[in-house]
Protein backbone atom coordinates (compact mmCIF):
# COMPACT_ATOMS: atom_id res chain seq x y z
CA MET A 1 -52.41 59.02 65.81
CA THR A 2 -55.08 61.25 64.30
CA LEU A 3 -55.29 61.13 60.50
CA SER A 4 -55.81 64.27 58.48
CA PHE A 5 -58.92 64.47 56.33
CA PHE A 6 -56.82 63.86 53.18
CA GLU A 7 -55.11 60.79 54.66
CA ALA A 8 -58.41 59.35 55.88
CA MET A 9 -59.96 59.90 52.45
CA VAL A 10 -57.07 58.34 50.58
CA GLN A 11 -57.02 55.27 52.84
CA GLN A 12 -60.52 54.49 51.60
CA LEU A 13 -59.53 54.74 47.95
CA SER A 14 -57.39 52.64 45.66
CA PRO A 15 -54.82 54.42 43.47
CA LEU A 16 -57.07 53.86 40.45
CA THR A 17 -60.00 55.79 41.94
CA ILE A 18 -58.03 59.01 42.33
CA GLU A 19 -57.89 61.16 39.22
CA ASP A 20 -54.78 60.41 37.16
CA ASP A 21 -54.46 64.10 36.34
CA PHE A 22 -53.92 64.72 40.04
CA LEU A 23 -51.41 61.93 40.61
CA TYR A 24 -49.66 61.94 37.22
CA PRO A 25 -49.77 65.41 35.64
CA ASP A 26 -49.13 65.67 31.91
CA SER A 27 -46.71 68.58 32.28
CA ASP A 28 -43.60 69.12 34.37
CA GLY A 29 -43.63 72.85 33.68
CA LYS A 30 -40.39 72.73 31.70
CA PRO A 31 -40.04 73.96 28.10
CA LEU A 32 -39.61 71.51 25.23
CA ALA A 33 -36.27 73.09 24.33
CA ASP A 34 -33.99 75.88 25.53
CA ASN A 35 -32.71 76.97 22.12
CA THR A 36 -33.30 76.62 18.38
CA THR A 37 -30.58 73.99 17.87
CA GLN A 38 -32.07 71.68 20.46
CA LEU A 39 -35.58 72.17 19.08
CA ARG A 40 -34.45 71.57 15.49
CA LEU A 41 -32.71 68.32 16.39
CA ILE A 42 -35.63 67.06 18.46
CA PHE A 43 -38.07 67.70 15.61
CA THR A 44 -35.70 66.18 13.02
CA ILE A 45 -35.16 63.00 15.05
CA LYS A 46 -38.88 62.67 15.89
CA GLY A 47 -39.96 63.34 12.31
CA GLY A 48 -37.37 60.99 10.83
CA LEU A 49 -38.41 58.16 13.14
CA ASP A 50 -42.09 58.80 12.41
CA ALA A 51 -41.32 58.45 8.71
CA LEU A 52 -39.20 55.35 9.27
CA PHE A 53 -41.97 53.53 11.14
CA LYS A 54 -44.99 55.07 9.39
CA ASP A 55 -46.17 51.66 8.15
CA ARG A 56 -45.93 49.99 11.55
CA ASP A 57 -48.89 50.38 13.88
CA ASP A 58 -47.00 48.86 16.81
CA VAL A 59 -44.36 51.57 17.18
CA PHE A 60 -45.12 54.62 19.34
CA ILE A 61 -42.80 57.61 19.09
CA ALA A 62 -43.02 60.73 21.24
CA ALA A 63 -41.10 63.91 22.01
CA ASP A 64 -40.98 65.48 25.47
CA LEU A 65 -43.69 63.15 26.80
CA LEU A 66 -43.64 62.36 30.50
CA TRP A 67 -43.00 58.68 31.14
CA TYR A 68 -44.28 57.24 34.42
CA PRO A 69 -42.83 53.73 34.79
CA VAL A 70 -44.39 52.74 38.11
CA GLN A 71 -47.83 53.33 39.57
CA LEU A 72 -47.93 54.87 43.01
CA THR A 73 -48.96 52.60 45.85
CA GLN A 74 -51.65 53.62 48.32
CA LYS A 75 -48.97 54.18 50.95
CA GLN A 76 -47.06 56.51 48.64
CA ILE A 77 -50.22 58.45 47.87
CA ILE A 78 -50.98 58.87 51.57
CA GLU A 79 -47.43 60.07 52.18
CA GLN A 80 -47.80 62.40 49.17
CA GLU A 81 -44.73 61.03 47.41
CA GLU A 82 -43.92 62.19 43.89
CA PRO A 83 -44.14 59.53 41.16
CA GLN A 84 -40.97 58.58 39.28
CA ARG A 85 -40.92 60.22 35.86
CA GLN A 86 -38.78 61.54 33.05
CA ALA A 87 -39.54 63.16 29.70
CA PRO A 88 -36.99 62.04 27.08
CA ASP A 89 -36.47 64.50 24.26
CA VAL A 90 -37.48 61.62 21.98
CA MET A 91 -38.48 58.09 22.94
CA VAL A 92 -39.42 54.99 20.95
CA VAL A 93 -41.69 52.21 22.18
CA PHE A 94 -41.96 48.97 20.24
CA GLY A 95 -45.09 46.97 20.95
CA ARG A 96 -47.49 49.85 21.60
CA PRO A 97 -49.95 51.44 19.17
CA LYS A 98 -49.61 54.90 17.73
CA GLY A 99 -51.98 57.54 19.07
CA ASP A 100 -52.25 60.61 21.25
CA ARG A 101 -51.36 60.45 24.93
CA GLY A 102 -51.09 63.04 27.67
CA SER A 103 -48.31 61.00 29.25
CA TYR A 104 -46.95 57.47 29.04
CA MET A 105 -48.21 55.58 32.08
CA GLN A 106 -46.45 52.26 31.68
CA TRP A 107 -48.94 50.16 33.66
CA LYS A 108 -51.61 51.22 31.12
CA GLU A 109 -49.36 50.18 28.23
CA ASP A 110 -49.10 46.43 28.96
CA ASN A 111 -46.19 47.42 31.20
CA ILE A 112 -43.99 47.88 28.12
CA ALA A 113 -41.16 50.31 28.79
CA PRO A 114 -39.77 52.60 26.07
CA GLN A 115 -36.73 50.94 24.53
CA VAL A 116 -34.87 53.90 22.98
CA ALA A 117 -34.30 57.39 24.39
CA PHE A 118 -32.62 60.46 22.85
CA GLU A 119 -31.45 63.51 24.75
CA ILE A 120 -30.10 66.76 23.24
CA LEU A 121 -28.05 68.74 25.75
CA SER A 122 -28.74 72.41 26.29
CA PRO A 123 -27.02 74.99 28.50
CA GLY A 124 -29.82 74.56 31.01
CA ASN A 125 -29.05 70.87 31.60
CA LYS A 126 -27.04 70.31 34.76
CA LYS A 127 -24.75 67.31 35.21
CA LYS A 128 -26.75 66.23 38.24
CA ASP A 129 -29.95 66.20 36.20
CA MET A 130 -28.36 64.20 33.38
CA ASP A 131 -26.95 61.70 35.88
CA THR A 132 -30.46 61.31 37.28
CA LYS A 133 -31.83 60.70 33.80
CA PHE A 134 -29.17 58.08 33.09
CA LYS A 135 -29.94 56.21 36.30
CA PHE A 136 -33.65 56.38 35.55
CA TYR A 137 -33.19 54.98 32.04
CA GLN A 138 -30.89 52.26 33.31
CA GLN A 139 -33.30 51.28 36.08
CA HIS A 140 -36.47 51.27 34.00
CA GLY A 141 -35.51 49.31 30.92
CA ILE A 142 -34.17 51.61 28.22
CA LYS A 143 -32.15 49.43 25.83
CA GLU A 144 -30.48 52.17 23.80
CA TYR A 145 -29.71 55.67 25.05
CA TYR A 146 -28.22 58.43 22.89
CA LEU A 147 -26.96 61.77 24.20
CA TYR A 148 -25.78 64.59 21.93
CA ASN A 149 -24.02 67.80 22.96
CA PRO A 150 -24.45 70.33 20.10
CA LYS A 151 -22.00 72.82 21.60
CA LYS A 152 -19.16 70.27 21.58
CA ASN A 153 -20.55 68.22 18.67
CA ARG A 154 -20.15 65.19 20.90
CA LEU A 155 -22.32 62.09 20.59
CA GLN A 156 -22.47 59.37 23.24
CA GLY A 157 -24.45 56.17 23.27
CA TRP A 158 -25.20 53.33 25.64
CA LEU A 159 -26.43 49.82 24.97
CA ARG A 160 -28.10 47.60 27.55
CA LYS A 161 -26.40 44.43 28.65
CA GLY A 162 -28.32 42.75 31.43
CA LYS A 163 -29.29 45.36 34.00
CA LYS A 164 -26.74 47.97 32.92
CA LEU A 165 -26.31 50.45 30.12
CA ASN A 166 -22.78 50.12 28.77
CA GLU A 167 -21.19 52.97 26.85
CA ILE A 168 -20.59 52.40 23.14
CA SER A 169 -16.90 52.92 22.46
CA GLN A 170 -17.24 54.21 18.88
CA MET A 171 -20.31 56.20 17.92
CA GLU A 172 -19.15 57.52 14.54
CA GLY A 173 -20.95 55.41 11.97
CA TRP A 174 -22.79 53.47 14.68
CA ILE A 175 -25.92 51.63 13.55
CA SER A 176 -28.69 51.25 16.13
CA PRO A 177 -29.59 47.57 16.62
CA LEU A 178 -33.24 48.40 17.29
CA LEU A 179 -33.82 51.28 14.88
CA GLY A 180 -31.42 50.39 12.08
CA ILE A 181 -30.41 54.04 11.70
CA ARG A 182 -26.82 55.27 11.32
CA PHE A 183 -25.23 58.14 13.27
CA THR A 184 -22.55 60.61 12.23
CA THR A 185 -21.19 63.93 13.50
CA ASN A 186 -18.66 64.44 10.71
CA GLU A 187 -20.61 67.39 9.31
CA GLY A 188 -20.27 69.36 12.56
CA ASP A 189 -23.80 68.42 13.54
CA LEU A 190 -25.72 65.30 14.48
CA VAL A 191 -26.90 63.62 11.28
CA LEU A 192 -28.94 60.42 11.15
CA PHE A 193 -29.54 58.13 8.19
CA HIS A 194 -32.35 55.72 7.44
CA PRO A 195 -31.44 52.06 6.79
CA ASP A 196 -31.68 52.79 3.04
CA GLY A 197 -29.09 55.56 3.40
CA GLU A 198 -31.56 58.45 3.16
CA ARG A 199 -30.71 61.35 5.45
CA PHE A 200 -33.03 62.53 8.22
CA VAL A 201 -34.21 66.02 7.24
CA ASP A 202 -36.25 68.71 8.94
CA PHE A 203 -39.66 69.85 7.72
CA VAL A 204 -38.32 72.71 5.61
CA GLU A 205 -36.05 70.30 3.72
CA VAL A 206 -38.99 67.95 3.21
CA VAL A 207 -41.00 70.79 1.67
CA GLU A 208 -38.04 71.82 -0.50
CA GLN A 209 -37.62 68.22 -1.74
CA ARG A 210 -41.34 68.07 -2.54
CA ASP A 211 -41.19 71.39 -4.41
CA ARG A 212 -38.15 70.28 -6.43
CA ALA A 213 -39.90 67.04 -7.35
CA ARG A 214 -43.02 68.99 -8.35
CA VAL A 215 -40.99 71.37 -10.56
CA ALA A 216 -39.18 68.44 -12.18
CA LEU A 217 -42.51 66.73 -12.89
CA GLU A 218 -43.96 69.89 -14.44
CA GLU A 219 -40.87 70.31 -16.63
CA GLU A 220 -41.17 66.70 -17.78
CA LYS A 221 -44.84 67.20 -18.65
CA LYS A 222 -43.96 70.37 -20.56
CA LYS A 223 -41.28 68.57 -22.58
CA ASN A 224 -43.64 65.71 -23.37
CA GLN A 225 -46.33 68.15 -24.53
CA GLN A 226 -43.81 69.98 -26.72
CA LEU A 227 -42.81 66.66 -28.29
CA LEU A 228 -46.45 65.75 -28.97
CA ASP A 229 -47.10 69.17 -30.51
CA ARG A 230 -44.04 68.77 -32.78
CA LEU A 231 -45.19 65.34 -33.95
CA ILE A 232 -48.61 66.70 -34.80
CA GLN A 233 -47.01 69.58 -36.74
CA LEU A 234 -45.11 66.98 -38.77
CA GLY A 235 -48.34 65.16 -39.51
CA ILE A 236 -47.50 62.19 -37.32
CA ASP A 237 -50.23 60.71 -35.19
CA PRO A 238 -48.66 60.03 -31.74
CA ASN A 239 -51.11 57.17 -31.22
CA THR A 240 -49.56 55.24 -34.12
CA LEU A 241 -46.10 55.29 -32.60
CA PRO A 242 -44.85 52.08 -30.93
């Protein structure tokens, strides 16, 4: 059998000598989100988890990052097979450092698989595609998988037991064993809470909280200055007060 030029070339190379950008592209050509609700929830979950684990250098959190669990073999490269991959809306990896990545190539990450995955359904998600994602997560080591349907306000979750992801029977008030966060949909939307009870908020709410705190601080300073001025008017030296 006569080999093509490409096949002959690849046979002389190991998988590591071929550019990763060629074998494992950083983009799948799909948008981060199909609508504003999906985008808002992705950013809120990602931001809340970033805040939760901000003091831990061994927790990597990403949104819409392609995860390649298995490196292609030389045979697969020759046969031009596509690598296995998925891009969870949000994923959490314990045991890996923070930092920028074009994709998550597991064999370059001490072979540590992401442990938690979140998916927010959009009208563009087909059942077949979601079934494929579930099988992928089950096969490649996800320990907790959460799926939220904004249109139906329906939250589902799965927890690994052995080689399988088993559905969690009651998600309302569920506390993630790995993350320590609590879930609720009682407000007609997916709401998450930190272990200390603080609610996950989006960036606008963070800015609003900061602005309210700043206004309160300025008002407190103003009141203190007014008190000092009044004491001075009364001939009382504030420095002599206990």
